[in-house]
Amino acid sequence: MVMEMRLSTREKVSYGLGAVGKDMVYMLSAGYVLYYYQDILGVSAIAMGVILMAARVFDAFNDPIMGVLVAKTRTKWGKFRPWLLIGTLLNSFVLYFMFSAPPALDGSGLIVYVAVAYILWGVTYTMMDIPYWSMIPAFTEGGKERENLSTLARSCAGVGSAIVTIITMKCVYMLGNGNERAGFQWFALIIAVLFMLFIICTCVNIKEKSTVDVEAPSVGQMFKALLQNDQAMAVVATIVLINCSIYITSNLVIYFFKYDFGGADWYNAYTVFNTFGGAVQILSMMLFFPMMRKIFSAVSVFYVGLCMAVVGYVILLGLAFINMSSVYLLFIPGFFIFAANGILTVLVTVFLANTVDYGELKNNRRDESVIFSMQTFVVKLASGVAALAASICLSVFRLNGDTQQNMQAAASSVVGLRMTMTVIPIAGLLAAFVLFRKKFILTEDKVEEIAEKIKSKRETNSRERDGA
């Protein structure tokens, strides 16, 4: 039986709140764990890079397995909500302890602590992130309904990321009275509590609506279906390239302001820039993207977004050789990069959701959880690769807490930092453009065709079952 799906306003708001909470947590971890342990606690940049990258290798095995477990789950609360709630509660506790390293620890003990905490954070985040995004194709049929929910969720996630990016350093200094270590501990506690409250709201108000009832697959069947879904793999590879490019910049921007702009109140300029960037990113998701979609196809908007990002980085590269005295000059490249990031973030989720339908038609399996486990994995993989690249940059150019007494690093270090923030992302975005253009075939017409075929197939199967 094919169900008519219409999400209520209450469901949409509850789902959006969950996105705000989970991306607040994600941004705190992805954006500040390297800074917290390397710059504040003194762990070497290379050690941190290896830990963050090793955790992502572990996720290469953990995330798809988690997708299988979610897909095989059968409870009276559905297969998504139990994991969503359990993962959130565990991840909240781990997040707090990750930013609450015991003062007595140092040296190898501190390295072991961050390694264990970060791996546990990744495992528990996967527990809730995969079921969260897997709900989209399970709640919606192809077309505008799915695109609208994806846009809403990604916009709300962008709000969560922007909030943390904007207020973190201000709150850390305020909560810790200038002591960054204490400030991060209190701030992590606040974010963890908000995360739990938002996801509980999601779990209470969202009722699963299965579009199709399928037999629980085996691990072998799941991996086979995933590898045979060439469109899912194309989107996954594109996400890796895009996120690696942008995350390298986001990992290094705090060091850029601390050691390039310098000054005792460097975090004020950092906050101003992030406030502008967060606003642009949210506007791009909620306003620019819908406006562009009225004129262009989703694929065309995707190419426009990639080109905007490249233009932004080229402008930033040019500014790198100017003696910048004002943060407002950075608003020019920042506008292009942040706007592009918002647009691309929405679209890759839409594209990945569409590959679920493609996979069902091609492989006779509807594998939301495994396909969306790849999104969780590649986002974390990209953050790990970016963190490793950032840590190598910090180590090579000797940017760490020891330079804090001068606040402004040597000219050669600043040039190296700026080049790493621009040249590598440009190369990665161009590679994403070429890959996507060559491999992706799910245009809007193709998606509609697939949706009609699936609908017809389900109706035929339903009649056959009724006849039997």
Protein backbone atom coordinates (compact mmCIF):
# COMPACT_ATOMS: atom_id res chain seq x y z
CA MET A 1 0.00 0.00 0.00
CA VAL A 2 1.39 3.40 -0.99
CA MET A 3 0.92 6.04 1.70
CA GLU A 4 0.13 9.68 1.09
CA MET A 5 2.69 11.59 3.10
CA ARG A 6 2.19 15.09 4.39
CA LEU A 7 4.27 16.33 7.28
CA SER A 8 2.57 18.60 9.79
CA THR A 9 4.07 21.90 10.93
CA ARG A 10 4.75 20.34 14.33
CA GLU A 11 6.71 17.50 12.75
CA LYS A 12 8.72 19.87 10.56
CA VAL A 13 9.60 22.14 13.51
CA SER A 14 10.55 19.16 15.69
CA TYR A 15 12.71 17.68 12.94
CA GLY A 16 14.37 21.05 12.39
CA LEU A 17 15.13 21.44 16.10
CA GLY A 18 16.94 18.11 16.04
CA ALA A 19 19.12 19.39 13.20
CA VAL A 20 19.96 22.53 15.18
CA GLY A 21 21.05 20.49 18.20
CA LYS A 22 23.10 17.86 16.42
CA ASP A 23 25.02 20.36 14.32
CA MET A 24 25.77 22.51 17.35
CA VAL A 25 27.47 19.43 18.78
CA TYR A 26 29.16 18.55 15.50
CA MET A 27 30.56 22.05 14.98
CA LEU A 28 31.90 22.23 18.53
CA SER A 29 33.78 18.98 17.99
CA ALA A 30 34.87 19.49 14.38
CA GLY A 31 35.75 23.16 14.79
CA TYR A 32 37.39 23.29 18.21
CA VAL A 33 38.74 19.92 19.39
CA LEU A 34 42.03 20.53 17.55
CA TYR A 35 42.32 24.04 19.00
CA TYR A 36 41.39 22.87 22.52
CA TYR A 37 43.97 20.08 22.72
CA GLN A 38 46.72 21.58 20.54
CA ASP A 39 46.66 25.26 21.42
CA ILE A 40 45.29 25.22 24.97
CA LEU A 41 46.42 21.86 26.41
CA GLY A 42 49.67 21.59 24.45
CA VAL A 43 49.24 18.28 22.60
CA SER A 44 51.42 18.32 19.48
CA ALA A 45 49.68 19.24 16.24
CA ILE A 46 50.93 16.10 14.48
CA ALA A 47 49.70 13.84 17.29
CA MET A 48 46.28 15.47 17.07
CA GLY A 49 46.21 15.10 13.30
CA VAL A 50 47.03 11.39 13.52
CA ILE A 51 44.37 10.83 16.21
CA LEU A 52 41.65 12.63 14.23
CA MET A 53 42.54 10.80 11.03
CA ALA A 54 42.79 7.39 12.75
CA ALA A 55 39.32 7.90 14.21
CA ARG A 56 37.98 8.42 10.70
CA VAL A 57 39.61 5.19 9.48
CA PHE A 58 37.84 3.42 12.33
CA ASP A 59 34.59 5.02 11.16
CA ALA A 60 35.12 3.49 7.71
CA PHE A 61 34.13 0.19 9.32
CA ASN A 62 31.84 1.45 12.07
CA ASP A 63 29.49 3.71 10.10
CA PRO A 64 28.21 1.24 7.47
CA ILE A 65 27.80 -1.41 10.19
CA MET A 66 25.75 1.09 12.17
CA GLY A 67 23.65 1.63 9.05
CA VAL A 68 23.01 -2.12 8.88
CA LEU A 69 22.01 -2.24 12.56
CA VAL A 70 19.55 0.62 12.08
CA ALA A 71 18.05 -1.02 9.00
CA LYS A 72 17.58 -4.32 10.85
CA THR A 73 15.99 -2.68 13.92
CA ARG A 74 12.32 -3.45 14.54
CA THR A 75 10.61 -1.92 17.59
CA LYS A 76 7.19 -0.47 18.39
CA TRP A 77 8.86 2.97 18.21
CA GLY A 78 10.19 2.21 14.72
CA LYS A 79 13.75 1.62 13.61
CA PHE A 80 15.05 5.21 13.72
CA ARG A 81 13.92 6.84 16.96
CA PRO A 82 15.44 4.34 19.45
CA TRP A 83 18.91 4.79 17.97
CA LEU A 84 18.40 8.54 17.65
CA LEU A 85 17.63 8.89 21.36
CA ILE A 86 20.28 6.46 22.65
CA GLY A 87 22.99 7.93 20.43
CA THR A 88 22.14 11.46 21.51
CA LEU A 89 22.29 10.73 25.23
CA LEU A 90 25.62 8.91 24.93
CA ASN A 91 27.12 11.50 22.60
CA SER A 92 26.18 14.34 24.95
CA PHE A 93 28.07 12.75 27.84
CA VAL A 94 31.11 11.99 25.67
CA LEU A 95 31.14 15.56 24.31
CA TYR A 96 31.28 17.00 27.82
CA PHE A 97 34.14 14.73 28.90
CA MET A 98 36.03 15.38 25.67
CA PHE A 99 36.22 19.06 26.59
CA SER A 100 36.86 18.33 30.27
CA ALA A 101 40.32 16.76 30.20
CA PRO A 102 41.58 16.21 33.80
CA PRO A 103 44.24 18.85 34.71
CA ALA A 104 46.53 16.13 36.12
CA LEU A 105 46.92 14.51 32.69
CA ASP A 106 49.79 15.46 30.43
CA GLY A 107 52.09 13.92 27.84
CA SER A 108 51.15 10.42 26.70
CA GLY A 109 48.29 10.21 29.21
CA LEU A 110 46.61 13.22 27.64
CA ILE A 111 47.10 11.78 24.15
CA VAL A 112 45.44 8.52 25.19
CA TYR A 113 42.57 10.47 26.79
CA VAL A 114 41.81 12.51 23.67
CA ALA A 115 42.16 9.46 21.40
CA VAL A 116 39.64 7.40 23.41
CA ALA A 117 37.26 10.35 23.88
CA TYR A 118 37.31 11.32 20.21
CA ILE A 119 36.74 7.78 18.94
CA LEU A 120 33.84 7.33 21.37
CA TRP A 121 32.45 10.68 20.25
CA GLY A 122 32.52 9.50 16.63
CA VAL A 123 30.83 6.18 17.45
CA THR A 124 28.03 7.76 19.48
CA TYR A 125 27.52 10.57 16.95
CA THR A 126 27.07 7.94 14.24
CA MET A 127 24.41 6.25 16.38
CA MET A 128 22.17 9.31 16.13
CA ASP A 129 23.24 10.91 12.84
CA ILE A 130 22.50 7.95 10.55
CA PRO A 131 18.92 7.44 11.78
CA TYR A 132 18.31 11.19 11.73
CA TRP A 133 19.12 11.63 8.03
CA SER A 134 17.69 8.22 7.08
CA MET A 135 14.26 9.55 8.04
CA ILE A 136 14.15 11.87 5.03
CA PRO A 137 13.53 9.27 2.30
CA ALA A 138 11.41 7.27 4.76
CA PHE A 139 9.21 10.33 5.46
CA THR A 140 8.91 11.64 1.94
CA GLU A 141 8.38 10.62 -1.64
CA GLY A 142 10.65 12.00 -4.36
CA GLY A 143 10.33 15.53 -5.67
CA LYS A 144 9.47 18.79 -3.93
CA GLU A 145 8.34 17.27 -0.64
CA ARG A 146 11.72 15.62 -0.13
CA GLU A 147 13.66 18.63 -1.36
CA ASN A 148 11.69 20.94 0.95
CA LEU A 149 12.31 18.75 4.02
CA SER A 150 15.99 18.41 3.11
CA THR A 151 16.24 22.19 2.71
CA LEU A 152 14.54 22.74 6.07
CA ALA A 153 16.76 20.24 7.88
CA ARG A 154 19.96 21.53 6.30
CA SER A 155 18.94 25.13 6.99
CA CYS A 156 18.34 24.30 10.64
CA ALA A 157 21.63 22.40 10.77
CA GLY A 158 23.28 25.50 9.34
CA VAL A 159 21.70 27.56 12.11
CA GLY A 160 23.14 25.18 14.70
CA SER A 161 26.60 25.30 13.15
CA ALA A 162 26.48 29.07 12.81
CA ILE A 163 25.40 29.59 16.44
CA VAL A 164 28.35 27.59 17.76
CA THR A 165 30.80 29.14 15.30
CA ILE A 166 29.70 32.65 16.24
CA ILE A 167 29.43 32.44 20.02
CA THR A 168 32.01 29.84 21.06
CA MET A 169 35.07 32.00 21.74
CA LYS A 170 33.03 34.81 23.31
CA CYS A 171 31.26 32.33 25.59
CA VAL A 172 34.49 30.50 26.42
CA TYR A 173 36.18 33.71 27.57
CA MET A 174 33.08 34.79 29.50
CA LEU A 175 32.32 31.44 31.17
CA GLY A 176 35.94 30.86 32.08
CA ASN A 177 36.71 34.46 33.06
CA GLY A 178 39.55 34.45 30.54
CA ASN A 179 40.54 30.83 31.28
CA GLU A 180 39.92 29.02 27.98
CA ARG A 181 40.22 25.56 29.51
CA ALA A 182 37.49 26.17 32.09
CA GLY A 183 35.41 28.09 29.55
CA PHE A 184 35.33 25.19 27.10
CA GLN A 185 34.24 22.79 29.86
CA TRP A 186 31.23 24.92 30.79
CA PHE A 187 30.36 25.67 27.18
CA ALA A 188 30.45 21.95 26.24
CA LEU A 189 28.07 21.20 29.13
CA ILE A 190 25.56 23.82 27.91
CA ILE A 191 25.68 22.55 24.32
CA ALA A 192 25.29 18.93 25.46
CA VAL A 193 22.17 19.75 27.48
CA LEU A 194 20.58 21.70 24.61
CA PHE A 195 21.38 18.82 22.25
CA MET A 196 19.52 16.32 24.45
CA LEU A 197 16.49 18.58 24.82
CA PHE A 198 16.20 19.23 21.07
CA ILE A 199 16.49 15.57 20.05
CA ILE A 200 14.01 14.49 22.72
CA CYS A 201 11.59 16.95 21.11
CA THR A 202 12.25 15.32 17.73
CA CYS A 203 11.71 11.79 19.06
CA VAL A 204 8.48 12.69 20.85
CA ASN A 205 6.84 14.50 17.93
CA ILE A 206 8.03 12.50 14.92
CA LYS A 207 6.17 9.34 13.99
CA GLU A 208 7.83 7.17 11.36
CA LYS A 209 5.98 6.69 8.10
CA SER A 210 7.46 3.83 6.13
CA THR A 211 7.14 4.19 2.37
CA VAL A 212 7.77 0.51 1.78
CA ASP A 213 8.06 -2.56 3.96
CA VAL A 214 11.18 -4.56 3.18
CA GLU A 215 12.77 -7.65 4.66
CA ALA A 216 15.71 -6.90 6.95
CA PRO A 217 18.85 -7.32 4.81
CA SER A 218 22.05 -9.13 5.63
CA VAL A 219 25.34 -7.29 5.94
CA GLY A 220 26.48 -8.76 2.62
CA GLN A 221 23.33 -7.65 0.84
CA MET A 222 23.67 -4.14 2.22
CA PHE A 223 27.25 -3.65 1.12
CA LYS A 224 26.52 -5.16 -2.27
CA ALA A 225 23.56 -2.82 -2.78
CA LEU A 226 25.67 0.17 -1.74
CA LEU A 227 28.57 -0.66 -4.05
CA GLN A 228 26.17 -1.30 -6.94
CA ASN A 229 24.54 2.12 -6.45
CA ASP A 230 26.90 4.09 -8.69
CA GLN A 231 24.97 7.33 -8.10
CA ALA A 232 25.32 7.07 -4.31
CA MET A 233 29.06 6.47 -4.69
CA ALA A 234 29.38 9.46 -7.04
CA VAL A 235 27.62 11.74 -4.55
CA VAL A 236 29.70 10.37 -1.67
CA ALA A 237 32.98 11.04 -3.50
CA THR A 238 31.81 14.55 -4.35
CA ILE A 239 30.89 15.25 -0.72
CA VAL A 240 34.36 14.14 0.41
CA LEU A 241 36.10 16.54 -1.99
CA ILE A 242 33.86 19.50 -1.16
CA ASN A 243 33.93 19.02 2.60
CA CYS A 244 37.68 18.42 2.73
CA SER A 245 38.20 21.69 0.89
CA ILE A 246 35.93 23.76 3.11
CA TYR A 247 36.89 22.07 6.40
CA ILE A 248 40.58 22.81 5.87
CA THR A 249 39.70 26.50 5.87
CA SER A 250 37.32 26.25 8.82
CA ASN A 251 39.96 24.38 10.86
CA LEU A 252 42.58 27.03 10.19
CA VAL A 253 40.53 30.23 10.33
CA ILE A 254 40.82 30.49 14.14
CA TYR A 255 44.64 30.35 13.83
CA PHE A 256 44.47 32.88 11.00
CA PHE A 257 42.82 35.41 13.28
CA LYS A 258 44.94 34.55 16.32
CA TYR A 259 48.35 34.62 14.67
CA ASP A 260 47.83 36.82 11.61
CA PHE A 261 45.47 39.54 12.78
CA GLY A 262 46.82 39.10 16.30
CA GLY A 263 46.14 41.32 19.27
CA ALA A 264 44.78 40.50 22.71
CA ASP A 265 41.19 40.74 21.45
CA TRP A 266 41.67 38.75 18.24
CA TYR A 267 38.59 36.70 19.08
CA ASN A 268 36.43 39.81 18.56
CA ALA A 269 37.44 40.00 14.89
CA TYR A 270 37.00 36.23 14.68
CA THR A 271 33.48 36.55 16.09
CA VAL A 272 32.57 39.39 13.71
CA PHE A 273 33.73 37.37 10.69
CA ASN A 274 31.89 34.23 11.81
CA THR A 275 28.73 36.20 12.53
CA PHE A 276 28.77 37.52 8.98
CA GLY A 277 29.59 34.10 7.55
CA GLY A 278 26.93 32.32 9.58
CA ALA A 279 24.29 34.82 8.50
CA VAL A 280 25.26 34.43 4.84
CA GLN A 281 25.25 30.63 5.08
CA ILE A 282 21.78 30.56 6.66
CA LEU A 283 20.44 33.06 4.11
CA SER A 284 21.86 30.97 1.29
CA MET A 285 19.96 27.92 2.54
CA MET A 286 16.69 29.64 3.34
CA LEU A 287 16.57 32.41 0.72
CA PHE A 288 19.22 32.22 -2.02
CA PHE A 289 18.76 28.49 -2.69
CA PRO A 290 14.93 28.61 -3.06
CA MET A 291 15.24 31.70 -5.30
CA MET A 292 17.80 30.00 -7.53
CA ARG A 293 15.71 26.83 -7.70
CA LYS A 294 12.83 28.82 -9.20
CA ILE A 295 15.10 29.64 -12.14
CA PHE A 296 17.59 26.77 -12.43
CA SER A 297 17.57 23.01 -12.02
CA ALA A 298 19.13 21.47 -8.89
CA VAL A 299 22.16 20.30 -10.88
CA SER A 300 22.67 23.77 -12.37
CA VAL A 301 22.45 25.37 -8.92
CA PHE A 302 25.06 22.87 -7.73
CA TYR A 303 27.49 23.98 -10.43
CA VAL A 304 26.81 27.63 -9.59
CA GLY A 305 27.59 26.89 -5.94
CA LEU A 306 30.89 25.21 -6.80
CA CYS A 307 31.89 28.14 -9.03
CA MET A 308 31.01 30.64 -6.28
CA ALA A 309 33.22 28.79 -3.81
CA VAL A 310 36.18 28.75 -6.22
CA VAL A 311 35.72 32.48 -6.93
CA GLY A 312 35.70 33.17 -3.17
CA TYR A 313 38.93 31.29 -2.62
CA VAL A 314 40.62 32.99 -5.58
CA ILE A 315 39.71 36.39 -4.10
CA LEU A 316 40.98 35.27 -0.69
CA LEU A 317 44.23 34.12 -2.28
CA GLY A 318 44.64 37.56 -3.83
CA LEU A 319 43.96 39.26 -0.51
CA ALA A 320 46.57 37.04 1.12
CA PHE A 321 49.29 39.22 -0.38
CA ILE A 322 47.74 42.49 0.82
CA ASN A 323 48.51 43.88 4.25
CA MET A 324 44.97 43.56 5.58
CA SER A 325 44.16 45.83 8.49
CA SER A 326 40.38 45.32 8.62
CA VAL A 327 38.31 42.17 9.04
CA TYR A 328 35.60 43.68 6.84
CA LEU A 329 37.75 43.22 3.75
CA LEU A 330 37.41 39.48 4.30
CA PHE A 331 33.65 39.78 3.93
CA ILE A 332 34.09 39.82 0.12
CA PRO A 333 35.54 36.30 -0.29
CA GLY A 334 33.64 35.20 2.79
CA PHE A 335 30.32 35.96 1.11
CA PHE A 336 31.07 33.70 -1.86
CA ILE A 337 32.48 30.84 0.25
CA PHE A 338 29.81 30.81 2.97
CA ALA A 339 26.94 31.23 0.49
CA ALA A 340 28.29 28.40 -1.66
CA ASN A 341 28.71 26.16 1.38
CA GLY A 342 25.08 26.67 2.36
CA ILE A 343 23.81 25.89 -1.14
CA LEU A 344 26.02 22.83 -1.60
CA THR A 345 25.16 21.44 1.84
CA VAL A 346 21.46 21.37 0.98
CA LEU A 347 21.97 19.90 -2.46
CA VAL A 348 24.22 17.00 -1.55
CA THR A 349 21.58 15.82 0.94
CA VAL A 350 18.88 16.07 -1.74
CA PHE A 351 21.05 14.21 -4.24
CA LEU A 352 21.89 11.48 -1.74
CA ALA A 353 18.22 11.03 -0.81
CA ASN A 354 17.39 10.61 -4.50
CA THR A 355 19.96 7.83 -4.80
CA VAL A 356 17.83 5.80 -2.35
CA ASP A 357 15.04 5.66 -4.93
CA TYR A 358 17.58 4.94 -7.67
CA GLY A 359 18.99 2.07 -5.62
CA GLU A 360 15.53 0.64 -4.93
CA LEU A 361 14.73 0.57 -8.63
CA LYS A 362 18.11 -0.83 -9.61
CA ASN A 363 18.75 -3.30 -6.78
CA ASN A 364 15.22 -4.02 -5.50
CA ARG A 365 16.27 -2.82 -2.05
CA ARG A 366 15.47 0.42 -0.24
CA ASP A 367 18.62 0.99 1.84
CA GLU A 368 18.19 4.43 3.41
CA SER A 369 20.29 3.71 6.48
CA VAL A 370 23.33 2.30 4.71
CA ILE A 371 23.37 5.03 2.06
CA PHE A 372 23.01 7.76 4.68
CA SER A 373 25.63 6.06 6.84
CA MET A 374 27.99 6.96 4.02
CA GLN A 375 27.06 10.63 4.40
CA THR A 376 27.87 10.45 8.11
CA PHE A 377 31.13 8.68 7.36
CA VAL A 378 32.30 10.99 4.59
CA VAL A 379 31.51 14.13 6.59
CA LYS A 380 33.63 12.79 9.44
CA LEU A 381 36.26 11.50 7.02
CA ALA A 382 36.49 14.96 5.47
CA SER A 383 36.84 16.55 8.91
CA GLY A 384 39.60 14.06 9.75
CA VAL A 385 41.52 14.68 6.51
CA ALA A 386 41.10 18.43 6.96
CA ALA A 387 42.26 18.23 10.59
CA LEU A 388 45.34 16.25 9.53
CA ALA A 389 46.13 18.80 6.80
CA ALA A 390 45.59 21.63 9.27
CA SER A 391 47.80 19.99 11.90
CA ILE A 392 50.60 19.47 9.37
CA CYS A 393 50.30 23.13 8.41
CA LEU A 394 50.45 24.20 12.08
CA SER A 395 53.45 21.99 12.72
CA VAL A 396 55.40 22.96 9.58
CA PHE A 397 54.79 26.67 10.08
CA ARG A 398 55.19 26.47 13.87
CA LEU A 399 51.88 27.96 14.85
CA ASN A 400 50.95 26.94 18.40
CA GLY A 401 50.40 28.22 21.92
CA ASP A 402 54.12 28.98 22.29
CA THR A 403 53.77 31.88 19.86
CA GLN A 404 50.99 33.39 21.95
CA GLN A 405 53.43 35.73 23.67
CA ASN A 406 53.92 37.49 20.31
CA MET A 407 50.38 36.76 19.00
CA GLN A 408 51.54 37.52 15.47
CA ALA A 409 53.57 34.80 13.82
CA ALA A 410 56.54 35.20 11.47
CA ALA A 411 55.80 36.43 7.96
CA SER A 412 56.74 33.09 6.39
CA SER A 413 54.38 31.23 8.72
CA VAL A 414 51.51 33.57 7.87
CA VAL A 415 52.08 33.12 4.13
CA GLY A 416 52.14 29.34 4.55
CA LEU A 417 48.93 29.46 6.56
CA ARG A 418 47.17 31.59 3.96
CA MET A 419 48.32 29.41 1.07
CA THR A 420 47.12 26.24 2.81
CA MET A 421 43.72 27.86 3.40
CA THR A 422 43.23 28.72 -0.27
CA VAL A 423 45.23 26.68 -2.80
CA ILE A 424 44.30 23.22 -1.48
CA PRO A 425 40.55 24.05 -1.30
CA ILE A 426 40.58 25.41 -4.87
CA ALA A 427 42.11 22.16 -6.14
CA GLY A 428 39.60 20.06 -4.21
CA LEU A 429 36.58 22.01 -5.47
CA LEU A 430 37.72 21.79 -9.08
CA ALA A 431 38.16 18.03 -8.69
CA ALA A 432 34.61 17.79 -7.28
CA PHE A 433 33.27 19.72 -10.27
CA VAL A 434 34.92 17.34 -12.77
CA LEU A 435 33.86 14.18 -10.90
CA PHE A 436 30.24 15.23 -10.46
CA ARG A 437 29.85 16.36 -14.05
CA LYS A 438 31.25 13.06 -15.33
CA LYS A 439 29.39 10.62 -13.06
CA PHE A 440 26.09 12.08 -11.85
CA ILE A 441 22.98 11.37 -13.96
CA LEU A 442 20.02 11.96 -11.59
CA THR A 443 18.53 15.06 -13.18
CA GLU A 444 15.05 16.21 -12.15
CA ASP A 445 13.45 14.46 -15.11
CA LYS A 446 15.29 11.26 -14.24
CA VAL A 447 14.20 11.49 -10.58
CA GLU A 448 10.55 11.94 -11.58
CA GLU A 449 10.82 9.00 -13.97
CA ILE A 450 12.26 6.80 -11.22
CA ALA A 451 9.58 7.89 -8.73
CA GLU A 452 6.83 6.96 -11.22
CA LYS A 453 8.39 3.57 -11.89
CA ILE A 454 8.69 2.83 -8.18
CA LYS A 455 5.09 3.89 -7.55
CA SER A 456 3.87 1.68 -10.38
CA LYS A 457 6.00 -1.22 -9.15
CA ARG A 458 4.65 -0.96 -5.59
CA GLU A 459 1.06 -0.79 -6.82
CA THR A 460 1.63 -3.90 -8.95
CA ASN A 461 3.19 -5.75 -6.01
CA SER A 462 0.32 -4.68 -3.76
CA ARG A 463 -2.27 -6.00 -6.22
CA GLU A 464 -0.38 -9.27 -6.54
CA ARG A 465 -0.30 -9.69 -2.76
CA ASP A 466 -4.00 -8.86 -2.47
CA GLY A 467 -4.76 -11.33 -5.26
CA ALA A 468 -2.74 -14.03 -3.58
